[in-house]
C-alpha cells in the first residue's frame, strides 16, 4: 500500500485542517449512540481518524475512556485544541495494540485505505479489540476506487468488495469479537 502521506488526501487535510475541523457538521449521534450502547459504561474506545475531535468529545462527555488518533498531524493538533490533550498521530498500518480496547470507532476514515490494504488494516484493528469488542466503521459505497472533487482518495467499496474483509473477521466472530460495517 502506498504511504498515505504521499497522496493528495494527506495534502488536503494538511492544508485544510483548521477549516475541516471547524466546519459545521451533524454529529453521527444515532450511529455513535448505537455503538456506545453496545459497550459497558467507561469502556476503553479507540477512535481512528478523529478529525477535529468532535466524536471523541461526545464519547468523553458520556464517560468513556477514549484514545483519539488521526493520521494527519494537523488534524490531530485541531483535535488536541478541542479536547485539551495530546492526540496520537497514527496511521492505520502503524496500529500495534493487542486486546486493548472494548470498542473501535472508525467513522468515515477507513474509506481512505486503498482496497488492497483494507484486509490488513482491519486485521490490525481487530487485534486491538478485546474479546467481545465492537468495531463500528463507515464507508462510502461505490464501484471503483477514485478521488473526489478535492483530490481525496476513497476506496468506495461495495458489499462484494468487502467480501474478503469478512474472511478477516471470521476468526473473531467465533471468539466473541463483533463488528459493524455500513455502506
Protein backbone atom coordinates (compact mmCIF):
# COMPACT_ATOMS: atom_id res chain seq x y z
CA UNK A 1 0.00 0.00 0.00
CA UNK A 2 1.47 3.41 -0.88
CA UNK A 3 2.11 5.65 2.12
CA UNK A 4 -0.90 7.78 2.97
CA UNK A 5 1.37 10.84 3.18
CA UNK A 6 2.33 10.51 -0.47
CA UNK A 7 -1.03 11.36 -1.98
CA UNK A 8 -3.42 14.27 -2.32
CA UNK A 9 -5.57 13.06 0.57
CA UNK A 10 -2.98 13.92 3.21
CA UNK A 11 -2.24 17.17 1.40
CA UNK A 12 -5.93 18.11 1.56
CA UNK A 13 -6.11 17.51 5.32
CA UNK A 14 -2.75 19.21 5.90
CA UNK A 15 -3.80 22.34 4.03
CA UNK A 16 -7.40 22.44 5.26
CA UNK A 17 -7.17 21.08 8.81
CA UNK A 18 -8.49 24.16 10.63
CA UNK A 19 -11.35 24.68 8.17
CA UNK A 20 -12.19 20.97 8.06
CA UNK A 21 -12.15 20.61 11.85
CA UNK A 22 -14.34 23.65 12.44
CA UNK A 23 -16.85 23.07 9.64
CA UNK A 24 -20.48 22.83 10.65
CA UNK A 25 -21.36 19.17 10.76
CA UNK A 26 -24.06 16.98 12.11
CA UNK A 27 -22.60 14.55 14.61
CA UNK A 28 -23.37 10.90 13.89
CA UNK A 29 -25.35 10.75 17.14
CA UNK A 30 -27.60 7.84 16.15
CA UNK A 31 -24.75 5.64 14.92
CA UNK A 32 -22.47 6.77 17.72
CA UNK A 33 -25.12 6.22 20.40
CA UNK A 34 -25.87 2.76 18.97
CA UNK A 35 -22.14 1.92 19.10
CA UNK A 36 -21.79 3.23 22.66
CA UNK A 37 -24.88 1.31 23.79
CA UNK A 38 -23.05 -1.92 22.94
CA UNK A 39 -20.25 -1.03 25.40
CA UNK A 40 -20.14 -1.03 29.19
CA UNK A 41 -20.02 2.38 30.91
CA UNK A 42 -16.49 3.76 30.94
CA UNK A 43 -15.27 1.31 28.30
CA UNK A 44 -11.96 1.89 26.50
CA UNK A 45 -12.58 3.20 22.97
CA UNK A 46 -10.03 3.75 20.21
CA UNK A 47 -11.12 6.40 17.76
CA UNK A 48 -9.39 6.19 14.40
CA UNK A 49 -9.36 9.28 12.19
CA UNK A 50 -10.74 11.55 14.90
CA UNK A 51 -10.51 14.65 12.67
CA UNK A 52 -11.37 17.70 14.73
CA UNK A 53 -12.18 15.58 17.79
CA UNK A 54 -15.94 16.15 17.96
CA UNK A 55 -16.87 12.46 18.25
CA UNK A 56 -14.17 11.92 20.89
CA UNK A 57 -15.51 14.89 22.84
CA UNK A 58 -19.00 13.37 22.69
CA UNK A 59 -17.77 9.98 23.93
CA UNK A 60 -15.64 11.54 26.68
CA UNK A 61 -18.64 13.59 27.84
CA UNK A 62 -20.59 10.31 28.08
CA UNK A 63 -17.89 8.89 30.40
CA UNK A 64 -15.93 6.67 28.01
CA UNK A 65 -12.15 6.25 28.16
CA UNK A 66 -11.29 7.45 24.64
CA UNK A 67 -7.97 7.24 22.82
CA UNK A 68 -8.36 9.60 19.85
CA UNK A 69 -5.96 9.23 16.91
CA UNK A 70 -5.57 10.72 13.45
CA UNK A 71 -3.12 10.13 10.61
CA UNK A 72 -2.82 13.87 9.97
CA UNK A 73 -0.61 15.83 12.39
CA UNK A 74 -2.57 18.96 11.53
CA UNK A 75 -5.95 17.39 12.32
CA UNK A 76 -4.51 15.85 15.49
CA UNK A 77 -3.47 19.38 16.54
CA UNK A 78 -7.02 20.63 15.91
CA UNK A 79 -8.47 17.77 17.97
CA UNK A 80 -5.93 18.48 20.70
CA UNK A 81 -7.14 22.08 20.92
CA UNK A 82 -10.74 20.92 21.28
CA UNK A 83 -10.06 18.12 23.75
CA UNK A 84 -7.27 19.76 25.77
CA UNK A 85 -4.96 16.77 25.46
CA UNK A 86 -2.31 15.38 23.16
CA UNK A 87 -3.69 13.33 20.26
CA UNK A 88 -1.66 10.46 18.83
CA UNK A 89 -0.67 10.85 15.18
CA UNK A 90 -1.14 7.32 13.92
CA UNK A 91 -1.62 5.78 10.52
CA UNK A 92 -3.74 2.65 10.30
CA UNK A 93 -0.83 0.41 9.32
CA UNK A 94 1.01 1.55 12.47
CA UNK A 95 -1.59 0.04 14.84
CA UNK A 96 0.19 -2.27 17.30
CA UNK A 97 -2.26 -2.68 20.20
CA UNK A 98 -3.37 -6.16 21.25
CA UNK A 99 -6.59 -6.77 23.20
CA UNK A 100 -6.56 -3.18 24.44
CA UNK A 101 -9.96 -1.70 23.56
CA UNK A 102 -13.60 -2.53 24.17
CA UNK A 103 -14.56 -0.64 21.03
CA UNK A 104 -13.10 0.97 17.93
CA UNK A 105 -14.90 3.92 16.33
CA UNK A 106 -13.79 4.41 12.70
CA UNK A 107 -16.29 6.91 11.32
CA UNK A 108 -15.53 7.99 7.75
CA UNK A 109 -11.80 7.23 7.90
CA UNK A 110 -11.19 3.69 6.63
CA UNK A 111 -12.70 4.85 3.36
CA UNK A 112 -9.27 6.36 2.58
CA UNK A 113 -7.47 2.97 2.75
CA UNK A 114 -6.70 1.51 -0.68
CA UNK A 115 -8.73 -1.64 -1.24
CA UNK A 116 -5.57 -3.74 -1.49
CA UNK A 117 -4.63 -2.76 2.08
CA UNK A 118 -8.05 -2.91 3.70
CA UNK A 119 -7.90 -6.53 4.90
CA UNK A 120 -4.54 -5.94 6.60
CA UNK A 121 -5.70 -2.75 8.28
CA UNK A 122 -8.88 -4.39 9.54
CA UNK A 123 -6.82 -7.27 10.91
CA UNK A 124 -4.75 -4.78 12.94
CA UNK A 125 -7.91 -3.10 14.19
CA UNK A 126 -9.44 -6.41 15.25
CA UNK A 127 -6.20 -7.32 17.04
CA UNK A 128 -6.61 -4.12 19.09
CA UNK A 129 -10.08 -5.22 20.25
CA UNK A 130 -10.61 -7.20 23.44
CA UNK A 131 -12.79 -10.31 23.26
CA UNK A 132 -16.37 -9.14 22.88
CA UNK A 133 -15.15 -5.82 21.45
CA UNK A 134 -17.14 -3.79 18.94
CA UNK A 135 -15.92 -2.22 15.71
CA UNK A 136 -18.03 0.48 14.07
CA UNK A 137 -16.85 1.62 10.64
CA UNK A 138 -18.47 3.57 7.85
CA UNK A 139 -17.70 3.70 4.15
CA UNK A 140 -18.98 5.50 1.06
CA UNK A 141 -20.19 2.80 -1.29
CA UNK A 142 -19.33 2.65 -4.95
CA UNK A 143 -17.93 0.54 -7.72
CA UNK A 144 -14.29 1.66 -8.03
CA UNK A 145 -11.57 3.47 -6.14
CA UNK A 146 -11.35 7.13 -7.02
CA UNK A 147 -10.97 10.72 -5.92
CA UNK A 148 -13.49 13.35 -5.00
CA UNK A 149 -13.53 16.94 -6.27
CA UNK A 150 -10.91 17.88 -3.62
CA UNK A 151 -8.49 15.17 -4.77
CA UNK A 152 -9.03 12.96 -1.71
CA UNK A 153 -8.72 9.22 -2.33
CA UNK A 154 -11.70 6.97 -1.48
CA UNK A 155 -11.94 3.18 -1.74
CA UNK A 156 -15.72 3.30 -2.46
CA UNK A 157 -16.31 -0.37 -1.63
CA UNK A 158 -19.41 -2.37 -2.45
CA UNK A 159 -20.57 -5.35 -0.40
CA UNK A 160 -18.80 -7.54 -2.98
CA UNK A 161 -15.52 -5.73 -2.41
CA UNK A 162 -15.93 -6.03 1.36
CA UNK A 163 -16.47 -9.81 0.99
CA UNK A 164 -12.76 -10.64 1.56
CA UNK A 165 -12.90 -8.46 4.66
CA UNK A 166 -15.44 -10.88 6.10
CA UNK A 167 -12.74 -13.57 5.93
CA UNK A 168 -10.58 -11.46 8.24
CA UNK A 169 -13.47 -11.11 10.67
CA UNK A 170 -14.47 -14.79 10.73
CA UNK A 171 -11.90 -15.92 13.34
CA UNK A 172 -13.08 -13.12 15.61
CA UNK A 173 -16.76 -13.89 15.29
CA UNK A 174 -16.37 -17.25 16.98
CA UNK A 175 -14.23 -15.69 19.70
CA UNK A 176 -16.84 -13.12 20.57
CA UNK A 177 -15.39 -10.06 18.85
CA UNK A 178 -18.10 -8.23 16.94
CA UNK A 179 -18.20 -5.76 14.11
CA UNK A 180 -20.49 -3.41 12.37
CA UNK A 181 -19.91 -2.47 8.76
CA UNK A 182 -22.05 0.03 6.92
CA UNK A 183 -22.07 1.17 3.33
